[in-house]
Amino acid sequence: MKNVKEVNKQKLKTIRRLHRNRPTPWELKLWQCLKNRQIDGHKFRRQVSIENYVVDFCCLELKLIIEVDGNGHLHPSQRKKDKERTENLVKWRYTIIRFFNNEIDENLNEILEIISQKCRELDT
């Protein structure tokens, strides 16, 4: 499998735009901390498509993906889809960090530190 995958395919533009225009409260809260290079000067984008997947946030420079998951991701069928998606993204050399909504509400500063630490690891 090739390591270079197509980013922001035209056919997914409508889905990306819809998700950007209707973020969950938790995505919006995290985005306020990621935008404008606030994490160690790294540029994060939101609702980026990589091949046929749309991810919540991505730093393309570091190949770092951040996903914000609600309760629906606990359902067995969704967990299976998430596992397959993660496996494919990892094969393409992306690193994925997942957070649940309640973690963003309860531990935002800790989450930002985890993201910052991962950025430092990947930036070497």
N, C-alpha and C. Protein backbone atom coordinates (compact mmCIF):
# COMPACT_ATOMS: atom_id res chain seq x y z
N MET A 1 0.84 -1.18 0.00
CA MET A 1 0.00 0.00 0.00
C MET A 1 0.89 1.24 0.00
N LYS A 2 0.59 2.18 -0.86
CA LYS A 2 1.39 3.40 -0.95
C LYS A 2 1.22 4.24 0.32
N ASN A 3 2.25 4.99 0.65
CA ASN A 3 2.20 5.83 1.84
C ASN A 3 1.60 7.20 1.57
N VAL A 4 1.58 7.63 0.33
CA VAL A 4 1.01 8.93 -0.03
C VAL A 4 -0.44 8.69 -0.43
N LYS A 5 -1.35 9.32 0.28
CA LYS A 5 -2.77 9.18 0.00
C LYS A 5 -3.35 10.53 -0.35
N GLU A 6 -4.39 10.50 -1.15
CA GLU A 6 -4.99 11.74 -1.60
C GLU A 6 -5.71 12.46 -0.46
N VAL A 7 -5.39 13.73 -0.31
CA VAL A 7 -5.98 14.56 0.74
C VAL A 7 -7.00 15.49 0.11
N ASN A 8 -8.13 15.65 0.79
CA ASN A 8 -9.21 16.55 0.38
C ASN A 8 -9.71 16.31 -1.04
N LYS A 9 -10.15 15.08 -1.28
CA LYS A 9 -10.75 14.73 -2.57
C LYS A 9 -11.96 15.62 -2.84
N GLN A 10 -12.10 15.98 -4.07
CA GLN A 10 -13.22 16.83 -4.48
C GLN A 10 -14.57 16.19 -4.15
N LYS A 11 -14.67 14.86 -4.31
CA LYS A 11 -15.96 14.20 -4.09
C LYS A 11 -16.42 14.26 -2.62
N LEU A 12 -15.50 14.55 -1.69
CA LEU A 12 -15.85 14.64 -0.27
C LEU A 12 -15.98 16.09 0.21
N LYS A 13 -15.89 17.03 -0.72
CA LYS A 13 -15.91 18.45 -0.35
C LYS A 13 -17.21 18.83 0.36
N THR A 14 -18.33 18.35 -0.10
CA THR A 14 -19.62 18.69 0.50
C THR A 14 -19.70 18.17 1.93
N ILE A 15 -19.23 16.96 2.16
CA ILE A 15 -19.25 16.37 3.50
C ILE A 15 -18.32 17.16 4.42
N ARG A 16 -17.12 17.48 3.94
CA ARG A 16 -16.18 18.26 4.75
C ARG A 16 -16.79 19.60 5.14
N ARG A 17 -17.39 20.27 4.18
CA ARG A 17 -17.98 21.59 4.42
C ARG A 17 -19.14 21.48 5.42
N LEU A 18 -19.99 20.48 5.26
CA LEU A 18 -21.11 20.28 6.18
C LEU A 18 -20.61 20.08 7.61
N HIS A 19 -19.59 19.26 7.78
CA HIS A 19 -19.05 19.00 9.12
C HIS A 19 -18.37 20.24 9.70
N ARG A 20 -17.71 21.02 8.86
CA ARG A 20 -17.08 22.26 9.35
C ARG A 20 -18.13 23.28 9.79
N ASN A 21 -19.23 23.33 9.05
CA ASN A 21 -20.27 24.31 9.35
C ASN A 21 -21.18 23.89 10.49
N ARG A 22 -21.14 22.62 10.87
CA ARG A 22 -21.98 22.11 11.95
C ARG A 22 -21.16 21.26 12.93
N PRO A 23 -20.17 21.87 13.55
CA PRO A 23 -19.33 21.09 14.48
C PRO A 23 -20.10 20.77 15.76
N THR A 24 -19.70 19.69 16.40
CA THR A 24 -20.25 19.41 17.72
C THR A 24 -19.68 20.43 18.70
N PRO A 25 -20.31 20.63 19.85
CA PRO A 25 -19.75 21.57 20.83
C PRO A 25 -18.33 21.20 21.25
N TRP A 26 -18.03 19.92 21.30
CA TRP A 26 -16.70 19.46 21.73
C TRP A 26 -15.66 19.70 20.64
N GLU A 27 -16.04 19.50 19.39
CA GLU A 27 -15.13 19.82 18.29
C GLU A 27 -14.83 21.31 18.28
N LEU A 28 -15.85 22.11 18.47
CA LEU A 28 -15.68 23.56 18.48
C LEU A 28 -14.77 23.99 19.63
N LYS A 29 -14.96 23.41 20.78
CA LYS A 29 -14.14 23.74 21.95
C LYS A 29 -12.67 23.40 21.70
N LEU A 30 -12.42 22.23 21.14
CA LEU A 30 -11.04 21.84 20.85
C LEU A 30 -10.47 22.68 19.71
N TRP A 31 -11.27 22.99 18.71
CA TRP A 31 -10.80 23.78 17.58
C TRP A 31 -10.31 25.16 18.04
N GLN A 32 -10.99 25.74 19.03
CA GLN A 32 -10.57 27.05 19.53
C GLN A 32 -9.14 27.02 20.07
N CYS A 33 -8.68 25.82 20.46
CA CYS A 33 -7.31 25.67 21.00
C CYS A 33 -6.31 25.21 19.95
N LEU A 34 -6.79 24.66 18.84
CA LEU A 34 -5.89 24.13 17.81
C LEU A 34 -5.64 25.13 16.68
N LYS A 35 -6.62 25.98 16.40
CA LYS A 35 -6.49 26.86 15.24
C LYS A 35 -5.40 27.91 15.45
N ASN A 36 -4.99 28.51 14.36
CA ASN A 36 -4.00 29.59 14.37
C ASN A 36 -2.66 29.18 14.97
N ARG A 37 -2.28 27.92 14.74
CA ARG A 37 -0.95 27.43 15.14
C ARG A 37 -0.66 27.58 16.64
N GLN A 38 -1.68 27.39 17.47
CA GLN A 38 -1.53 27.57 18.91
C GLN A 38 -0.77 26.42 19.58
N ILE A 39 -0.70 25.27 18.93
CA ILE A 39 0.02 24.14 19.51
C ILE A 39 1.41 24.09 18.88
N ASP A 40 2.37 24.63 19.57
CA ASP A 40 3.78 24.57 19.15
C ASP A 40 4.01 25.06 17.72
N GLY A 41 3.16 25.95 17.23
CA GLY A 41 3.33 26.50 15.90
C GLY A 41 2.88 25.60 14.76
N HIS A 42 2.21 24.49 15.08
CA HIS A 42 1.78 23.55 14.04
C HIS A 42 0.39 23.91 13.51
N LYS A 43 0.25 23.79 12.20
CA LYS A 43 -1.02 24.12 11.55
C LYS A 43 -1.94 22.90 11.56
N PHE A 44 -3.07 23.04 12.22
CA PHE A 44 -4.10 22.02 12.20
C PHE A 44 -5.22 22.48 11.28
N ARG A 45 -5.78 21.53 10.59
CA ARG A 45 -6.96 21.78 9.75
C ARG A 45 -8.10 20.95 10.32
N ARG A 46 -9.31 21.37 10.06
CA ARG A 46 -10.44 20.57 10.53
C ARG A 46 -11.20 20.00 9.35
N GLN A 47 -11.78 18.83 9.59
CA GLN A 47 -12.55 18.11 8.59
C GLN A 47 -11.76 17.94 7.30
N VAL A 48 -10.69 17.19 7.41
CA VAL A 48 -9.80 16.89 6.30
C VAL A 48 -10.13 15.49 5.80
N SER A 49 -10.18 15.31 4.47
CA SER A 49 -10.36 13.95 3.96
C SER A 49 -9.00 13.38 3.57
N ILE A 50 -8.81 12.14 3.95
CA ILE A 50 -7.63 11.37 3.59
C ILE A 50 -8.16 10.11 2.94
N GLU A 51 -7.88 9.99 1.64
CA GLU A 51 -8.54 8.95 0.83
C GLU A 51 -10.04 9.11 1.01
N ASN A 52 -10.75 8.09 1.52
CA ASN A 52 -12.20 8.18 1.65
C ASN A 52 -12.68 8.42 3.08
N TYR A 53 -11.76 8.80 3.95
CA TYR A 53 -12.10 9.09 5.34
C TYR A 53 -12.06 10.60 5.58
N VAL A 54 -13.00 11.10 6.37
CA VAL A 54 -12.96 12.50 6.79
C VAL A 54 -12.62 12.49 8.28
N VAL A 55 -11.52 13.13 8.62
CA VAL A 55 -11.07 13.16 10.01
C VAL A 55 -11.39 14.52 10.62
N ASP A 56 -11.53 14.54 11.95
CA ASP A 56 -11.93 15.78 12.62
C ASP A 56 -10.86 16.86 12.51
N PHE A 57 -9.63 16.53 12.90
CA PHE A 57 -8.53 17.49 12.85
C PHE A 57 -7.29 16.79 12.36
N CYS A 58 -6.46 17.52 11.61
CA CYS A 58 -5.25 16.91 11.10
C CYS A 58 -4.16 17.96 10.95
N CYS A 59 -2.97 17.61 11.40
CA CYS A 59 -1.76 18.38 11.10
C CYS A 59 -1.06 17.58 10.01
N LEU A 60 -1.19 18.02 8.77
CA LEU A 60 -0.64 17.28 7.64
C LEU A 60 0.88 17.21 7.70
N GLU A 61 1.51 18.25 8.19
CA GLU A 61 2.96 18.32 8.30
C GLU A 61 3.50 17.16 9.15
N LEU A 62 2.80 16.85 10.25
CA LEU A 62 3.23 15.80 11.16
C LEU A 62 2.50 14.47 10.94
N LYS A 63 1.50 14.50 10.05
CA LYS A 63 0.63 13.34 9.82
C LYS A 63 -0.03 12.91 11.14
N LEU A 64 -0.53 13.91 11.87
CA LEU A 64 -1.19 13.68 13.16
C LEU A 64 -2.68 13.97 13.01
N ILE A 65 -3.48 12.99 13.37
CA ILE A 65 -4.94 13.11 13.31
C ILE A 65 -5.48 13.11 14.73
N ILE A 66 -6.43 13.99 14.98
CA ILE A 66 -7.12 14.03 16.26
C ILE A 66 -8.60 13.81 15.99
N GLU A 67 -9.16 12.82 16.65
CA GLU A 67 -10.57 12.50 16.50
C GLU A 67 -11.30 12.77 17.81
N VAL A 68 -12.49 13.34 17.72
CA VAL A 68 -13.34 13.61 18.87
C VAL A 68 -14.56 12.70 18.73
N ASP A 69 -14.72 11.79 19.70
CA ASP A 69 -15.75 10.77 19.60
C ASP A 69 -16.84 10.97 20.65
N GLY A 70 -18.08 10.77 20.20
CA GLY A 70 -19.23 10.78 21.10
C GLY A 70 -19.58 9.36 21.48
N ASN A 71 -20.71 9.21 22.16
CA ASN A 71 -21.15 7.90 22.63
C ASN A 71 -21.40 6.91 21.51
N GLY A 72 -21.74 7.39 20.33
CA GLY A 72 -22.00 6.50 19.21
C GLY A 72 -20.80 5.65 18.85
N HIS A 73 -19.61 6.10 19.21
CA HIS A 73 -18.39 5.35 18.90
C HIS A 73 -18.19 4.17 19.85
N LEU A 74 -19.05 4.04 20.86
CA LEU A 74 -18.98 2.90 21.77
C LEU A 74 -19.77 1.70 21.24
N HIS A 75 -20.63 1.93 20.27
CA HIS A 75 -21.45 0.84 19.70
C HIS A 75 -20.54 -0.13 18.96
N PRO A 76 -20.75 -1.44 19.13
CA PRO A 76 -19.85 -2.44 18.51
C PRO A 76 -19.65 -2.26 17.00
N SER A 77 -20.69 -1.95 16.27
CA SER A 77 -20.52 -1.80 14.81
C SER A 77 -19.65 -0.58 14.49
N GLN A 78 -19.82 0.49 15.25
CA GLN A 78 -19.00 1.69 15.02
C GLN A 78 -17.57 1.45 15.45
N ARG A 79 -17.39 0.70 16.54
CA ARG A 79 -16.03 0.40 17.00
C ARG A 79 -15.27 -0.40 15.94
N LYS A 80 -15.99 -1.30 15.26
CA LYS A 80 -15.37 -2.09 14.19
C LYS A 80 -14.94 -1.18 13.04
N LYS A 81 -15.82 -0.26 12.65
CA LYS A 81 -15.48 0.69 11.58
C LYS A 81 -14.31 1.57 11.97
N ASP A 82 -14.32 2.05 13.22
CA ASP A 82 -13.23 2.90 13.70
C ASP A 82 -11.91 2.14 13.71
N LYS A 83 -11.95 0.88 14.08
CA LYS A 83 -10.73 0.06 14.11
C LYS A 83 -10.16 -0.09 12.71
N GLU A 84 -11.01 -0.39 11.74
CA GLU A 84 -10.57 -0.54 10.34
C GLU A 84 -10.00 0.77 9.81
N ARG A 85 -10.69 1.84 10.10
CA ARG A 85 -10.26 3.17 9.67
C ARG A 85 -8.88 3.50 10.26
N THR A 86 -8.73 3.26 11.56
CA THR A 86 -7.45 3.53 12.23
C THR A 86 -6.35 2.67 11.63
N GLU A 87 -6.61 1.41 11.40
CA GLU A 87 -5.60 0.52 10.81
C GLU A 87 -5.14 1.03 9.46
N ASN A 88 -6.07 1.48 8.63
CA ASN A 88 -5.69 2.00 7.31
C ASN A 88 -4.89 3.29 7.43
N LEU A 89 -5.32 4.20 8.28
CA LEU A 89 -4.60 5.46 8.45
C LEU A 89 -3.19 5.21 8.99
N VAL A 90 -3.05 4.26 9.89
CA VAL A 90 -1.72 3.93 10.43
C VAL A 90 -0.85 3.33 9.33
N LYS A 91 -1.42 2.50 8.47
CA LYS A 91 -0.66 1.95 7.34
C LYS A 91 -0.12 3.07 6.45
N TRP A 92 -0.86 4.16 6.39
CA TRP A 92 -0.44 5.30 5.57
C TRP A 92 0.42 6.27 6.37
N ARG A 93 0.90 5.80 7.51
CA ARG A 93 1.83 6.52 8.38
C ARG A 93 1.24 7.73 9.10
N TYR A 94 -0.04 7.69 9.38
CA TYR A 94 -0.67 8.71 10.21
C TYR A 94 -0.69 8.22 11.65
N THR A 95 -0.61 9.16 12.57
CA THR A 95 -0.76 8.87 13.99
C THR A 95 -2.13 9.41 14.39
N ILE A 96 -2.90 8.61 15.12
CA ILE A 96 -4.26 9.01 15.51
C ILE A 96 -4.35 9.08 17.01
N ILE A 97 -4.93 10.18 17.50
CA ILE A 97 -5.25 10.32 18.90
C ILE A 97 -6.76 10.51 18.98
N ARG A 98 -7.41 9.74 19.85
CA ARG A 98 -8.87 9.83 20.02
C ARG A 98 -9.19 10.33 21.42
N PHE A 99 -10.17 11.23 21.47
CA PHE A 99 -10.67 11.72 22.75
C PHE A 99 -12.19 11.62 22.73
N PHE A 100 -12.76 11.30 23.88
CA PHE A 100 -14.21 11.32 24.00
C PHE A 100 -14.67 12.71 24.43
N ASN A 101 -15.92 13.01 24.10
CA ASN A 101 -16.49 14.32 24.41
C ASN A 101 -16.29 14.70 25.87
N ASN A 102 -16.58 13.75 26.78
CA ASN A 102 -16.49 14.07 28.21
C ASN A 102 -15.06 14.41 28.61
N GLU A 103 -14.07 13.84 27.94
CA GLU A 103 -12.67 14.17 28.25
C GLU A 103 -12.38 15.63 27.92
N ILE A 104 -12.95 16.11 26.84
CA ILE A 104 -12.75 17.51 26.45
C ILE A 104 -13.40 18.43 27.48
N ASP A 105 -14.57 18.05 27.97
CA ASP A 105 -15.24 18.85 29.00
C ASP A 105 -14.47 18.84 30.32
N GLU A 106 -13.94 17.69 30.68
CA GLU A 106 -13.36 17.52 32.02
C GLU A 106 -11.86 17.78 32.09
N ASN A 107 -11.13 17.58 30.99
CA ASN A 107 -9.67 17.63 31.03
C ASN A 107 -9.05 18.33 29.83
N LEU A 108 -9.57 19.46 29.43
CA LEU A 108 -9.09 20.11 28.21
C LEU A 108 -7.59 20.43 28.29
N ASN A 109 -7.13 20.94 29.41
CA ASN A 109 -5.70 21.27 29.52
C ASN A 109 -4.83 20.04 29.39
N GLU A 110 -5.25 18.94 29.97
CA GLU A 110 -4.50 17.68 29.86
C GLU A 110 -4.48 17.20 28.40
N ILE A 111 -5.60 17.32 27.72
CA ILE A 111 -5.69 16.92 26.30
C ILE A 111 -4.73 17.77 25.46
N LEU A 112 -4.71 19.06 25.71
CA LEU A 112 -3.81 19.94 24.96
C LEU A 112 -2.35 19.57 25.21
N GLU A 113 -2.03 19.17 26.43
CA GLU A 113 -0.67 18.75 26.74
C GLU A 113 -0.33 17.44 26.01
N ILE A 114 -1.28 16.52 25.94
CA ILE A 114 -1.07 15.26 25.22
C ILE A 114 -0.81 15.55 23.74
N ILE A 115 -1.60 16.43 23.16
CA ILE A 115 -1.43 16.80 21.75
C ILE A 115 -0.07 17.46 21.54
N SER A 116 0.28 18.38 22.43
CA SER A 116 1.56 19.07 22.31
C SER A 116 2.73 18.09 22.42
N GLN A 117 2.64 17.17 23.35
CA GLN A 117 3.69 16.16 23.51
C GLN A 117 3.83 15.31 22.25
N LYS A 118 2.71 14.89 21.68
CA LYS A 118 2.75 14.07 20.46
C LYS A 118 3.34 14.88 19.31
N CYS A 119 3.02 16.16 19.24
CA CYS A 119 3.62 17.01 18.19
C CYS A 119 5.13 17.06 18.34
N ARG A 120 5.60 17.20 19.57
CA ARG A 120 7.05 17.24 19.80
C ARG A 120 7.69 15.91 19.40
N GLU A 121 7.04 14.80 19.72
CA GLU A 121 7.56 13.47 19.34
C GLU A 121 7.67 13.32 17.83
N LEU A 122 6.63 13.76 17.12
CA LEU A 122 6.57 13.58 15.67
C LEU A 122 7.43 14.59 14.93
N ASP A 123 7.80 15.67 15.59
CA ASP A 123 8.54 16.75 14.94
C ASP A 123 10.05 16.50 14.92
N THR A 124 10.46 15.37 15.45
CA THR A 124 11.91 15.08 15.50
C THR A 124 12.40 14.39 14.25
